Protein backbone atom coordinates (compact mmCIF):
# COMPACT_ATOMS: atom_id res chain seq x y z
CA MET A 1 -6.67 9.36 -14.57
CA GLU A 2 -5.05 10.75 -11.43
CA ILE A 3 -1.29 10.85 -10.89
CA SER A 4 0.12 10.23 -7.42
CA VAL A 5 3.57 9.69 -5.94
CA ALA A 6 5.10 7.23 -3.48
CA GLY A 7 7.80 8.30 -1.04
CA MET A 8 10.09 6.84 1.61
CA PHE A 9 10.49 8.69 4.88
CA GLY A 10 12.79 8.11 7.84
CA ASN A 11 15.22 6.08 5.73
CA GLY A 12 18.05 8.56 6.16
CA ALA A 13 19.23 11.29 8.48
CA ASN A 14 17.91 14.03 6.21
CA ARG A 15 14.60 12.36 5.38
CA ASP A 16 13.12 13.58 8.64
CA LEU A 17 10.01 15.51 9.67
CA GLY A 18 11.11 18.58 7.71
CA PHE A 19 11.57 16.44 4.62
CA VAL A 20 8.11 14.90 5.08
CA LYS A 21 6.50 18.32 5.21
CA GLY A 22 8.46 19.76 2.30
CA PHE A 23 7.84 16.69 0.14
CA ALA A 24 4.10 16.77 0.82
CA GLN A 25 3.81 20.50 0.10
CA ALA A 26 5.75 20.14 -3.14
CA ALA A 27 3.63 17.18 -4.26
CA GLU A 28 0.42 19.10 -3.57
CA SER A 29 1.59 22.22 -5.40
CA LEU A 30 2.52 20.16 -8.48
CA GLY A 31 -0.91 18.53 -8.72
CA TYR A 32 -0.26 15.00 -7.48
CA ARG A 33 -3.48 13.51 -6.09
CA SER A 34 -2.06 11.40 -3.28
CA LEU A 35 1.07 10.62 -1.35
CA PHE A 36 1.67 6.90 -0.80
CA ALA A 37 4.03 5.48 1.82
CA PRO A 38 4.83 1.87 2.74
CA GLU A 39 4.91 0.09 6.08
CA HIS A 40 7.37 -2.32 7.63
CA VAL A 41 7.73 -2.40 11.39
CA VAL A 42 11.19 -3.98 11.31
CA PHE A 43 13.77 -5.03 8.73
CA PHE A 44 16.45 -7.73 8.72
CA ALA A 45 20.01 -7.96 7.45
CA SER A 46 19.01 -11.07 5.47
CA TYR A 47 15.82 -12.92 4.65
CA GLU A 48 14.82 -16.48 3.95
CA SER A 49 11.52 -15.15 2.63
CA LYS A 50 11.47 -14.32 -1.06
CA TYR A 51 10.72 -10.72 -1.95
CA PRO A 52 8.07 -10.92 -4.70
CA TYR A 53 9.16 -7.85 -6.67
CA SER A 54 12.77 -8.67 -7.52
CA PRO A 55 13.85 -11.17 -10.19
CA ASP A 56 15.78 -13.39 -7.78
CA GLY A 57 13.59 -12.88 -4.71
CA SER A 58 16.21 -10.88 -2.82
CA ALA A 59 15.36 -7.71 -0.93
CA ASN A 60 16.41 -4.62 -2.88
CA TRP A 61 17.34 -2.42 0.08
CA GLY A 62 20.29 -2.19 2.41
CA PRO A 63 20.63 -3.97 5.76
CA GLU A 64 20.28 -0.76 7.77
CA THR A 65 16.99 0.34 6.18
CA GLY A 66 14.35 1.91 8.40
CA ILE A 67 11.22 3.94 7.74
CA TYR A 68 8.68 5.89 9.74
CA ASP A 69 5.24 4.49 10.45
CA PRO A 70 3.18 5.84 7.52
CA LEU A 71 0.21 6.79 9.71
CA PHE A 72 2.41 9.26 11.58
CA VAL A 73 3.91 10.49 8.30
CA PHE A 74 0.46 11.31 6.98
CA GLN A 75 -0.57 13.09 10.17
CA ALA A 76 2.45 15.37 9.82
CA ALA A 77 1.89 15.90 6.09
CA ALA A 78 -1.80 16.65 6.53
CA GLY A 79 -0.98 19.56 8.81
CA VAL A 80 0.84 21.43 6.05
CA THR A 81 -1.45 20.56 3.10
CA THR A 82 -5.10 21.07 2.23
CA THR A 83 -5.93 18.95 -0.84
CA LEU A 84 -3.28 16.22 -1.01
CA ARG A 85 -4.65 12.78 -0.18
CA PHE A 86 -2.82 9.94 1.54
CA CYS A 87 -2.75 6.16 1.15
CA THR A 88 -0.72 3.42 2.78
CA GLY A 89 1.03 1.42 0.12
CA ILE A 90 0.61 -0.90 1.92
CA LEU A 91 -0.10 -1.43 5.64
CA ILE A 92 0.55 -5.07 6.59
CA LEU A 93 -2.82 -5.50 8.25
CA PRO A 94 -2.64 -9.04 9.74
CA GLN A 95 0.42 -8.09 11.81
CA ARG A 96 -1.61 -5.52 13.78
CA PRO A 97 -4.50 -5.88 16.25
CA ALA A 98 -7.73 -5.24 14.36
CA LEU A 99 -9.40 -2.86 16.79
CA LEU A 100 -6.23 -0.88 17.49
CA THR A 101 -5.82 -0.40 13.75
CA ALA A 102 -9.46 0.65 13.46
CA LYS A 103 -8.93 3.29 16.15
CA GLU A 104 -5.69 4.60 14.68
CA VAL A 105 -7.14 4.84 11.17
CA LEU A 106 -10.36 6.56 12.22
CA SER A 107 -8.24 9.05 14.18
CA LEU A 108 -6.14 9.71 11.07
CA ASP A 109 -9.34 10.09 9.04
CA HIS A 110 -10.29 12.96 11.35
CA LEU A 111 -6.80 14.45 11.47
CA THR A 112 -6.51 14.51 7.66
CA GLY A 113 -10.01 15.90 7.15
CA GLY A 114 -11.12 12.73 5.35
CA ARG A 115 -8.13 12.63 3.00
CA PHE A 116 -6.89 9.15 3.92
CA GLU A 117 -7.33 5.76 2.21
CA LEU A 118 -6.25 2.54 3.89
CA GLY A 119 -4.16 0.39 1.57
CA VAL A 120 -3.69 -3.07 3.10
CA GLY A 121 -1.83 -6.25 2.25
CA SER A 122 -0.85 -9.55 3.83
CA GLY A 123 2.93 -9.13 3.50
CA TRP A 124 5.58 -11.57 2.33
CA SER A 125 8.13 -11.86 5.17
CA TRP A 126 7.60 -14.55 7.78
CA GLU A 127 10.55 -13.03 9.66
CA GLU A 128 8.64 -9.82 10.35
CA TYR A 129 5.55 -11.72 11.50
CA ALA A 130 7.68 -13.87 13.84
CA ALA A 131 9.36 -10.81 15.35
CA LEU A 132 5.93 -9.32 16.08
CA GLY A 133 4.63 -12.55 17.59
CA VAL A 134 1.97 -13.14 14.93
CA PRO A 135 1.58 -16.41 12.97
CA PHE A 136 2.53 -16.09 9.31
CA GLU A 137 0.33 -19.05 8.37
CA ARG A 138 -3.27 -18.33 7.36
CA ARG A 139 -2.59 -14.61 7.27
CA GLY A 140 -5.00 -14.31 4.34
CA LYS A 141 -7.94 -15.58 6.39
CA ARG A 142 -6.86 -13.36 9.28
CA MET A 143 -6.81 -10.37 6.93
CA ASP A 144 -10.32 -11.12 5.65
CA GLU A 145 -11.65 -11.11 9.20
CA TYR A 146 -9.74 -7.96 10.11
CA ILE A 147 -11.27 -6.03 7.20
CA GLU A 148 -14.76 -7.20 8.15
CA ALA A 149 -14.25 -6.52 11.85
CA ILE A 150 -12.80 -3.06 11.29
CA ARG A 151 -15.77 -2.04 9.17
CA VAL A 152 -18.22 -3.35 11.80
CA ALA A 153 -16.42 -1.40 14.53
CA TRP A 154 -16.44 1.76 12.41
CA THR A 155 -20.16 1.63 11.66
CA ASP A 156 -22.07 -0.10 14.50
CA ASP A 157 -22.87 1.69 17.76
CA ARG A 158 -22.52 -1.61 19.65
CA ALA A 159 -20.26 -3.73 17.50
CA ASP A 160 -20.16 -7.53 17.53
CA TYR A 161 -17.88 -9.78 15.51
CA SER A 162 -17.26 -13.50 15.84
CA GLY A 163 -14.52 -15.04 13.75
CA GLU A 164 -11.61 -17.42 14.10
CA PHE A 165 -9.07 -14.65 14.68
CA VAL A 166 -11.21 -11.74 15.89
CA GLN A 167 -13.97 -11.88 18.47
CA PHE A 168 -15.66 -9.01 20.29
CA GLU A 169 -19.09 -8.17 21.62
CA GLY A 170 -20.70 -4.87 22.51
CA VAL A 171 -17.67 -2.85 21.45
CA VAL A 172 -18.05 0.94 21.47
CA LEU A 173 -15.49 2.56 19.17
CA ASN A 174 -15.96 6.32 19.13
CA PRO A 175 -15.75 8.78 17.58
CA LYS A 176 -16.98 7.29 14.35
CA PRO A 177 -14.86 8.03 11.28
CA LEU A 178 -15.27 11.40 9.62
CA THR A 179 -15.69 9.63 6.28
CA PRO A 180 -19.09 7.88 6.27
CA GLY A 181 -18.49 4.16 6.71
CA GLY A 182 -14.80 4.78 7.25
CA PRO A 183 -11.91 5.44 4.86
CA PRO A 184 -11.86 3.39 1.65
CA ILE A 185 -10.00 0.10 2.06
CA ILE A 186 -7.75 -0.64 -0.90
CA VAL A 187 -6.44 -4.19 -1.11
CA GLY A 188 -2.88 -4.46 -2.40
CA GLY A 189 -1.10 -7.43 -3.93
CA ASP A 190 -0.57 -8.98 -7.34
CA SER A 191 -1.54 -12.56 -6.54
CA ALA A 192 -4.88 -14.06 -7.50
CA ALA A 193 -5.67 -14.33 -3.79
CA ALA A 194 -5.13 -10.59 -3.30
CA MET A 195 -7.25 -9.78 -6.34
CA GLY A 196 -10.01 -12.02 -5.00
CA ARG A 197 -9.84 -10.27 -1.64
CA ALA A 198 -10.14 -6.90 -3.38
CA ALA A 199 -13.17 -8.18 -5.27
CA ARG A 200 -14.88 -9.53 -2.14
CA LEU A 201 -13.97 -6.96 0.47
CA GLY A 202 -12.21 -3.95 -1.04
CA ASP A 203 -13.09 -0.50 -2.29
CA GLY A 204 -10.27 -0.89 -4.79
CA TRP A 205 -7.06 -2.71 -5.70
CA TYR A 206 -3.44 -1.55 -5.67
CA GLY A 207 -0.98 -3.48 -7.84
CA TRP A 208 2.68 -3.05 -8.71
CA TRP A 209 3.60 -2.65 -12.38
CA VAL A 210 6.45 -5.13 -12.67
CA GLN A 211 4.89 -7.56 -15.16
CA ARG A 212 5.95 -7.64 -18.79
CA ASP A 213 2.32 -8.00 -19.86
CA ILE A 214 0.31 -5.57 -17.75
CA ASP A 215 -2.67 -5.97 -20.09
CA ALA A 216 -2.97 -9.65 -19.23
CA HIS A 217 -2.42 -8.95 -15.54
CA LEU A 218 -5.28 -6.47 -15.40
CA ALA A 219 -7.43 -8.80 -17.50
CA THR A 220 -6.99 -11.37 -14.72
CA LEU A 221 -8.17 -8.79 -12.20
CA GLU A 222 -11.18 -7.98 -14.36
CA SER A 223 -12.06 -11.67 -14.65
CA ILE A 224 -11.86 -12.15 -10.87
CA LEU A 225 -13.96 -9.06 -10.28
CA SER A 226 -16.54 -10.31 -12.78
CA ASP A 227 -16.82 -13.57 -10.85
CA HIS A 228 -17.94 -11.46 -7.88
CA GLY A 229 -20.32 -9.25 -9.87
CA ARG A 230 -17.96 -6.29 -10.02
CA SER A 231 -15.83 -4.51 -12.61
CA VAL A 232 -12.83 -2.18 -12.76
CA ALA A 233 -15.21 0.29 -14.39
CA ASP A 234 -17.51 0.43 -11.34
CA HIS A 235 -17.70 3.86 -9.76
CA ASP A 236 -17.23 2.31 -6.30
CA PHE A 237 -14.06 0.41 -7.22
CA SER A 238 -10.72 2.22 -7.53
CA LEU A 239 -8.02 0.72 -9.75
CA LYS A 240 -4.62 1.91 -8.54
CA LEU A 241 -1.32 0.91 -10.11
CA GLY A 242 2.13 1.60 -8.68
CA LEU A 243 4.92 2.25 -11.17
CA PRO A 244 8.47 1.63 -9.82
CA LEU A 245 10.99 3.85 -11.59
CA GLY A 246 14.76 3.72 -11.64
CA PRO A 247 17.42 6.39 -12.20
CA GLY A 248 17.05 8.20 -15.51
CA SER A 249 13.45 7.07 -15.91
CA VAL A 250 11.78 10.43 -16.52
CA ASP A 251 11.69 9.88 -20.29
CA GLU A 252 9.68 6.66 -19.98
CA VAL A 253 6.91 8.14 -17.85
CA ALA A 254 4.80 9.71 -20.61
CA ALA A 255 4.41 6.42 -22.46
CA LYS A 256 3.54 4.57 -19.26
CA VAL A 257 0.95 7.20 -18.39
CA GLY A 258 -0.65 6.81 -21.80
CA GLN A 259 -0.70 3.03 -21.51
CA ALA A 260 -2.19 3.13 -18.01
CA ARG A 261 -4.90 5.52 -19.15
CA GLU A 262 -5.84 3.21 -22.02
CA LEU A 263 -6.06 0.31 -19.55
CA GLY A 264 -8.61 2.18 -17.44
CA VAL A 265 -6.35 2.81 -14.44
CA ASP A 266 -7.93 5.33 -12.06
CA GLU A 267 -4.74 6.33 -10.23
CA LEU A 268 -1.17 5.80 -11.40
CA VAL A 269 1.29 6.01 -8.51
CA LEU A 270 4.80 7.00 -9.57
CA ALA A 271 7.54 5.55 -7.36
CA PRO A 272 10.65 7.40 -8.59
CA PRO A 273 14.11 7.74 -7.05
CA ILE A 274 13.85 11.21 -5.51
CA SER A 275 17.00 12.82 -4.19
CA THR A 276 16.76 14.26 -0.69
CA SER A 277 18.71 17.38 -1.60
CA SER A 278 16.73 18.19 -4.76
CA PHE A 279 13.34 16.62 -4.13
CA GLU A 280 11.40 19.64 -5.44
CA ALA A 281 13.15 19.45 -8.80
CA GLY A 282 12.74 15.68 -8.92
CA LEU A 283 9.02 15.81 -8.18
CA ALA A 284 8.61 18.59 -10.75
CA ALA A 285 10.40 16.63 -13.48
CA TYR A 286 8.18 13.58 -13.00
CA ALA A 287 5.07 15.75 -12.75
CA GLU A 288 5.90 17.40 -16.07
CA ALA A 289 6.59 14.02 -17.70
CA ALA A 290 3.25 12.72 -16.44
CA GLY A 291 1.40 15.73 -17.82
CA LEU A 292 0.61 17.46 -14.55
CA THR A 293 2.32 20.71 -15.49
């Protein structure tokens, strides 16, 4: 099982380009497989939408939160690393134009030397969709079409796609991705709908370990995959699990790593609170706890 780390960048005056580069270099030197980073285009001081990963549905960040676009973060990080991989955790795909996303991601595939994986999700905030001028309703169907259309544009010399939300004919999208067929598309989300989308269209699934009974949660994923003739054990399906960690959580990591390994997780993504001023020490402590050093 691989161990990776999730980071936040741009969410503070000192979490700038220099921090991105230093964080990525430290993660690579400590043996983390991948660096994950989230996407939100805009934030709001308050939400009517319910955040799915807090007990009461409230957002667990401050009203002045802001982050860099993860695609630009990974471009910067790739320039100072050689083996570290990158994955969006997650990119809110239905908010973006499909072909523009296809072009940006294939460019990043080249710029990272094939070290990028596209983690996608449908999002939870209607406020963000509204601000971007995109309907929140039927975003799941829109996302299905976007995944299909992006793959067609990546692979066909003259690409055609006809759907409800995406239509194009004779599209030439060059250069083709460096990775044959394009970067792996990892579908994120803990709902049955997201798991079904991963089974139908994804190269893997990325969930968030917030459930009391993770065994049952992953059993649900396995059942949905089985309905589509797939399994978490398939060599072409990557099971990724994000582990949110709070202050003083280093001591609980070893047990979580052992449990995840027993569950057949391919990549455990630690999401710890890393101090800006001592990020090397923080990354090292979690790496040691996870068995990397």
